[in-house]
Amino acid sequence: MKQTDTRPLFSIPWADQADSSTIATIPQSATAIGRASMALGFPKATMTPIAAGGVPPYGEDMNGILNMLSRAARTAELGILHPFSADYAATINGYPVGATIAHPTIAGRFLICTADNNTNDPSQSMNGWLDPLGNYATATALQQEIQRAQAAEAAIFQLPAWVPLPSPFTTAPAGFIPADGRSFTTSQCPQLASAFPSGSVPDLRGLFIRGLDPSGTRDPEGAQRSPTSFQEGSYLLNRHDWDGSVSFVPNGNANISYRRDNVEPNTNWNLPIGYGNDGAAWANYWAHIGVARPKNSAWNYIFRAA
């Protein structure tokens, strides 16, 4: 069969406008000689010659069964599902696996039977019934989720544009600028311009953000730092006769500088890379060098272009 094959539809049931006296309600069992029933159909007597004691079939029965079948066919053509019927379930010894019925309370939803001989009323118990759309969000739930997402987005955009945001993507999404030192148009991004009037965002690539301590309470050199100021990284040195720190610039700087505060306070020493104290090879002192790097996770800092 092809989709284009003609499939006549029952726009009205058989004998829809017939006089009610000409349409019989077909009983389950025979009630009179010669009358049709669901159990026997047209009985044998209606197929026996009258001369041999037979009786003619009743036209009302013919109209009745055709009317019933055409109504059922039209319901199926429309895709209408019947609700659960306890009487029907009892008559057929329960719904079989795969039977489909209308949801008892939610219009447009359906239930699938998952157990043979199922007589459970789904409005009372869902045992033996599956709601395939039960785990899908309702229109109300979807609208609530949309509102929640919109509120979360609005909360982000309430942050000043000059607040750096960590992003898990290598490129900045639309409406954002990567914190890589690039220039921006101040007239188009007045919030950024209020913090970065030079028209360039800070370059935060490879850097940790450090809390400013202008009072010097936690950072001894805090009073010397300004917002967004840069500080070089450092190695920590630990020898038996002095402690200190070695600061460095990672881009091929030729010298390493250090201080020995317990020996010569406030005295900076600069040594060429590759040499140590007293001309010894710097490599001989590697055992005294500890790398000051906390565990970290790499994220891409971005600014809102606003």
Protein backbone atom coordinates (compact mmCIF):
# COMPACT_ATOMS: atom_id res chain seq x y z
CA MET A 1 0.00 0.00 0.00
CA LYS A 2 1.19 3.48 -0.79
CA GLN A 3 0.46 6.69 1.07
CA THR A 4 -1.30 8.00 -2.02
CA ASP A 5 -3.67 5.01 -2.26
CA THR A 6 -7.31 5.94 -1.82
CA ARG A 7 -8.51 5.44 1.71
CA PRO A 8 -12.21 6.31 2.06
CA LEU A 9 -13.08 7.88 5.38
CA PHE A 10 -16.31 7.65 7.34
CA SER A 11 -17.42 11.26 7.50
CA ILE A 12 -20.61 9.97 9.16
CA PRO A 13 -21.42 6.53 10.57
CA TRP A 14 -23.56 4.05 8.67
CA ALA A 15 -27.28 4.91 9.00
CA ASP A 16 -26.42 8.08 10.89
CA GLN A 17 -29.73 9.73 9.98
CA ALA A 18 -31.93 6.63 9.90
CA ASP A 19 -35.02 6.28 12.03
CA SER A 20 -33.97 4.91 15.38
CA SER A 21 -36.48 2.10 15.03
CA THR A 22 -34.48 0.76 12.09
CA ILE A 23 -31.20 0.48 14.01
CA ALA A 24 -30.94 -2.24 16.60
CA THR A 25 -28.50 -2.24 19.49
CA ILE A 26 -26.61 -5.48 19.07
CA PRO A 27 -26.48 -7.44 22.34
CA GLN A 28 -23.56 -9.55 23.49
CA SER A 29 -25.65 -12.74 23.46
CA ALA A 30 -28.68 -13.84 21.45
CA THR A 31 -32.00 -12.71 22.92
CA ALA A 32 -34.51 -14.04 20.37
CA ILE A 33 -34.70 -16.50 17.52
CA GLY A 34 -33.26 -15.02 14.36
CA ARG A 35 -31.80 -11.91 16.04
CA ALA A 36 -28.12 -11.05 15.63
CA SER A 37 -25.72 -10.83 18.59
CA MET A 38 -22.04 -10.12 19.11
CA ALA A 39 -21.49 -13.72 20.22
CA LEU A 40 -23.25 -15.47 17.29
CA GLY A 41 -23.47 -12.78 14.64
CA PHE A 42 -26.43 -13.63 12.42
CA PRO A 43 -27.60 -16.99 13.78
CA LYS A 44 -27.88 -20.14 11.66
CA ALA A 45 -31.64 -19.78 11.46
CA THR A 46 -31.24 -16.69 9.27
CA MET A 47 -29.28 -18.80 6.78
CA THR A 48 -31.77 -21.65 6.72
CA PRO A 49 -34.53 -21.69 4.07
CA ILE A 50 -37.83 -20.53 5.40
CA ALA A 51 -39.42 -23.74 4.10
CA ALA A 52 -37.03 -25.67 6.35
CA GLY A 53 -37.93 -23.61 9.41
CA GLY A 54 -35.52 -20.72 8.95
CA VAL A 55 -36.24 -17.05 9.54
CA PRO A 56 -35.07 -14.04 7.52
CA PRO A 57 -32.41 -11.75 9.04
CA TYR A 58 -33.56 -8.47 10.53
CA GLY A 59 -32.62 -5.29 8.67
CA GLU A 60 -32.42 -3.50 12.01
CA ASP A 61 -29.64 -5.87 13.05
CA MET A 62 -27.75 -5.19 9.81
CA ASN A 63 -28.05 -1.45 10.34
CA GLY A 64 -27.07 -1.86 13.97
CA ILE A 65 -23.83 -3.75 13.38
CA LEU A 66 -22.77 -1.58 10.44
CA ASN A 67 -23.51 1.55 12.47
CA MET A 68 -21.39 0.21 15.35
CA LEU A 69 -18.46 -0.75 13.11
CA SER A 70 -18.48 2.51 11.15
CA ARG A 71 -18.49 4.52 14.39
CA ALA A 72 -15.49 2.56 15.66
CA ALA A 73 -13.72 3.00 12.32
CA ARG A 74 -14.34 6.74 12.30
CA THR A 75 -12.97 7.04 15.83
CA ALA A 76 -9.81 5.20 14.76
CA GLU A 77 -9.50 7.36 11.63
CA LEU A 78 -9.49 10.47 13.82
CA GLY A 79 -6.84 9.04 16.12
CA ILE A 80 -9.12 9.36 19.14
CA LEU A 81 -8.08 7.22 22.11
CA HIS A 82 -10.64 5.71 24.43
CA PRO A 83 -10.34 6.26 28.17
CA PHE A 84 -9.87 3.35 30.55
CA SER A 85 -13.03 1.30 30.98
CA ALA A 86 -13.34 -1.08 33.92
CA ASP A 87 -16.30 -2.86 32.27
CA TYR A 88 -14.35 -3.29 29.04
CA ALA A 89 -11.27 -4.49 30.94
CA ALA A 90 -13.35 -7.06 32.77
CA THR A 91 -14.93 -8.28 29.52
CA ILE A 92 -11.56 -8.80 27.77
CA ASN A 93 -9.77 -10.05 30.92
CA GLY A 94 -7.63 -6.94 31.14
CA TYR A 95 -5.77 -4.75 28.66
CA PRO A 96 -2.81 -6.40 26.83
CA VAL A 97 0.75 -5.13 26.57
CA GLY A 98 0.95 -2.28 24.07
CA ALA A 99 -2.67 -1.18 24.43
CA THR A 100 -3.00 2.60 24.32
CA ILE A 101 -5.60 4.63 26.17
CA ALA A 102 -6.25 8.30 26.84
CA HIS A 103 -4.64 9.83 29.92
CA PRO A 104 -7.25 10.01 32.69
CA THR A 105 -6.58 13.65 33.67
CA ILE A 106 -4.35 15.40 31.09
CA ALA A 107 -5.89 16.22 27.73
CA GLY A 108 -3.79 15.24 24.74
CA ARG A 109 -1.67 12.71 26.69
CA PHE A 110 -1.84 8.93 26.44
CA LEU A 111 -0.81 5.86 28.41
CA ILE A 112 0.69 2.59 27.18
CA CYS A 113 -0.09 -0.71 28.86
CA THR A 114 3.04 -2.57 30.01
CA ALA A 115 1.45 -5.73 31.44
CA ASP A 116 -0.96 -8.29 30.03
CA ASN A 117 -4.37 -8.78 31.67
CA ASN A 118 -4.10 -5.29 33.16
CA THR A 119 -7.25 -4.22 34.99
CA ASN A 120 -5.67 -1.38 37.01
CA ASP A 121 -7.50 1.91 36.65
CA PRO A 122 -4.70 4.46 35.93
CA SER A 123 -6.64 7.18 37.70
CA GLN A 124 -6.18 5.10 40.85
CA SER A 125 -2.90 3.27 40.20
CA MET A 126 -0.27 3.56 37.45
CA ASN A 127 0.83 -0.06 37.93
CA GLY A 128 1.04 -1.60 34.48
CA TRP A 129 0.79 1.76 32.70
CA LEU A 130 3.46 3.99 31.21
CA ASP A 131 3.15 7.71 30.56
CA PRO A 132 5.77 8.20 27.79
CA LEU A 133 5.55 11.97 28.09
CA GLY A 134 5.65 11.99 31.87
CA ASN A 135 9.33 12.95 32.03
CA TYR A 136 8.95 15.79 29.56
CA ALA A 137 8.50 19.29 30.86
CA THR A 138 5.06 20.83 30.69
CA ALA A 139 4.50 24.18 29.04
CA THR A 140 4.33 25.75 32.49
CA ALA A 141 7.63 24.16 33.54
CA LEU A 142 9.28 25.27 30.30
CA GLN A 143 8.07 28.82 30.82
CA GLN A 144 9.41 28.78 34.38
CA GLU A 145 12.80 27.57 33.13
CA ILE A 146 12.88 30.30 30.49
CA GLN A 147 12.13 32.89 33.16
CA ARG A 148 14.87 31.47 35.41
CA ALA A 149 17.40 31.60 32.56
CA GLN A 150 16.39 35.15 31.71
CA ALA A 151 16.78 36.17 35.35
CA ALA A 152 20.24 34.56 35.48
CA GLU A 153 21.25 36.36 32.29
CA ALA A 154 19.94 39.63 33.64
CA ALA A 155 21.96 39.08 36.83
CA ILE A 156 25.14 38.66 34.79
CA PHE A 157 24.47 41.82 32.83
CA GLN A 158 23.91 43.73 36.05
CA LEU A 159 27.61 43.21 36.80
CA PRO A 160 29.78 46.14 35.70
CA ALA A 161 31.39 45.52 32.34
CA TRP A 162 34.87 45.92 33.86
CA VAL A 163 34.47 42.78 36.03
CA PRO A 164 36.53 39.97 34.45
CA LEU A 165 34.51 36.80 33.93
CA PRO A 166 36.05 33.31 33.55
CA SER A 167 34.96 31.55 30.36
CA PRO A 168 35.57 27.88 29.43
CA PHE A 169 35.92 28.76 25.73
CA THR A 170 39.07 29.74 23.86
CA THR A 171 37.28 32.56 22.07
CA ALA A 172 35.06 35.20 23.58
CA PRO A 173 31.33 34.88 22.74
CA ALA A 174 29.46 37.67 21.01
CA GLY A 175 29.16 40.75 23.18
CA PHE A 176 32.38 40.06 25.11
CA ILE A 177 36.05 41.02 24.76
CA PRO A 178 38.92 38.69 25.72
CA ALA A 179 41.17 40.01 28.49
CA ASP A 180 44.29 39.91 26.32
CA GLY A 181 45.29 43.58 26.27
CA ARG A 182 43.45 44.43 23.08
CA SER A 183 41.96 47.81 22.31
CA PHE A 184 38.27 48.66 22.30
CA THR A 185 36.23 51.63 21.14
CA THR A 186 35.58 53.73 24.22
CA SER A 187 32.47 55.38 22.77
CA GLN A 188 30.90 51.95 22.22
CA CYS A 189 31.97 50.57 25.60
CA PRO A 190 31.51 53.42 28.11
CA GLN A 191 31.53 51.11 31.15
CA LEU A 192 34.86 49.61 30.16
CA ALA A 193 36.18 53.06 29.34
CA SER A 194 35.31 54.25 32.85
CA ALA A 195 37.76 51.70 34.25
CA PHE A 196 40.21 51.56 31.36
CA PRO A 197 40.28 55.05 29.82
CA SER A 198 43.29 54.13 27.69
CA GLY A 199 40.94 52.06 25.52
CA SER A 200 42.72 48.77 26.21
CA VAL A 201 41.61 45.96 28.50
CA PRO A 202 44.18 44.37 30.85
CA ASP A 203 46.08 41.35 29.61
CA LEU A 204 45.21 38.62 32.09
CA ARG A 205 46.53 35.69 30.08
CA GLY A 206 48.45 33.31 32.32
CA LEU A 207 47.90 35.46 35.42
CA PHE A 208 46.19 34.96 38.75
CA ILE A 209 44.03 37.76 40.13
CA ARG A 210 45.29 38.97 43.51
CA GLY A 211 43.36 40.84 46.18
CA LEU A 212 44.55 44.42 46.63
CA ASP A 213 45.76 45.32 50.16
CA PRO A 214 46.47 49.09 50.20
CA SER A 215 46.92 49.03 54.00
CA GLY A 216 49.71 46.46 53.81
CA THR A 217 48.02 44.34 56.50
CA ARG A 218 48.47 41.09 54.57
CA ASP A 219 50.65 42.20 51.69
CA PRO A 220 53.80 43.96 53.00
CA GLU A 221 54.17 45.72 49.66
CA GLY A 222 50.44 46.35 49.26
CA ALA A 223 50.75 50.11 49.63
CA GLN A 224 53.01 50.14 46.57
CA ARG A 225 50.48 48.36 44.36
CA SER A 226 47.62 49.90 42.41
CA PRO A 227 44.54 48.30 40.85
CA THR A 228 45.38 46.09 37.82
CA SER A 229 49.13 46.56 38.49
CA PHE A 230 51.43 43.74 37.39
CA GLN A 231 53.81 41.78 39.62
CA GLU A 232 56.43 39.38 38.34
CA GLY A 233 56.40 35.75 39.41
CA SER A 234 58.92 34.43 41.92
CA TYR A 235 60.90 31.38 42.97
CA LEU A 236 61.45 30.70 46.64
CA LEU A 237 65.05 30.04 47.78
CA ASN A 238 65.86 28.21 50.97
CA ARG A 239 69.47 27.80 52.14
CA HIS A 240 70.91 27.11 55.56
CA ASP A 241 72.35 30.62 55.88
CA TRP A 242 69.69 32.77 54.21
CA ASP A 243 66.14 32.82 52.99
CA GLY A 244 64.88 34.95 50.21
CA SER A 245 62.92 35.11 46.99
CA VAL A 246 64.06 35.17 43.39
CA SER A 247 61.92 37.23 41.03
CA PHE A 248 62.01 36.63 37.32
CA VAL A 249 60.56 37.65 33.99
CA PRO A 250 59.76 34.54 31.93
CA ASN A 251 60.51 36.02 28.49
CA GLY A 252 64.23 35.38 28.28
CA ASN A 253 65.39 37.81 30.96
CA ALA A 254 69.15 37.47 31.33
CA ASN A 255 69.31 38.04 35.08
CA ILE A 256 67.81 36.65 38.25
CA SER A 257 67.45 39.04 41.16
CA TYR A 258 67.22 38.05 44.80
CA ARG A 259 67.50 39.41 48.32
CA ARG A 260 69.05 37.97 51.47
CA ASP A 261 67.06 39.84 54.09
CA ASN A 262 68.55 38.03 57.06
CA VAL A 263 72.09 38.74 55.86
CA GLU A 264 71.87 42.03 53.98
CA PRO A 265 68.40 43.55 54.41
CA ASN A 266 67.02 45.54 51.48
CA THR A 267 69.94 44.62 49.25
CA ASN A 268 69.02 43.35 45.80
CA TRP A 269 71.39 41.01 44.02
CA ASN A 270 71.35 40.38 40.29
CA LEU A 271 73.02 37.28 38.90
CA PRO A 272 73.21 36.18 35.28
CA ILE A 273 71.12 33.09 34.63
CA GLY A 274 73.43 30.06 34.76
CA TYR A 275 75.59 31.34 37.65
CA GLY A 276 75.19 31.14 41.38
CA ASN A 277 76.78 32.75 44.41
CA ASP A 278 80.61 32.96 44.33
CA GLY A 279 80.63 32.15 40.62
CA ALA A 280 79.34 28.62 41.12
CA ALA A 281 76.98 27.21 38.54
CA TRP A 282 73.37 28.15 39.32
CA ALA A 283 72.44 24.55 38.68
CA ASN A 284 74.28 23.59 41.86
CA TYR A 285 71.68 25.52 43.84
CA TRP A 286 68.57 24.09 42.20
CA ALA A 287 67.99 21.91 45.24
CA HIS A 288 67.36 25.10 47.20
CA ILE A 289 64.76 26.46 44.74
CA GLY A 290 61.06 25.77 45.25
CA VAL A 291 58.53 26.69 42.56
CA ALA A 292 55.78 28.91 43.96
CA ARG A 293 52.82 27.77 41.87
CA PRO A 294 49.47 26.69 43.35
CA LYS A 295 47.26 24.10 41.67
CA ASN A 296 45.23 25.84 39.02
CA SER A 297 42.67 25.50 36.26
CA ALA A 298 43.00 27.48 33.03
CA TRP A 299 40.04 29.68 32.11
CA ASN A 300 39.74 32.44 29.55
CA TYR A 301 39.02 35.81 31.16
CA ILE A 302 36.61 38.02 29.25
CA PHE A 303 34.93 41.42 29.69
CA ARG A 304 31.47 42.49 28.66
CA ALA A 305 31.68 44.84 25.68
CA ALA A 306 29.55 47.54 27.27
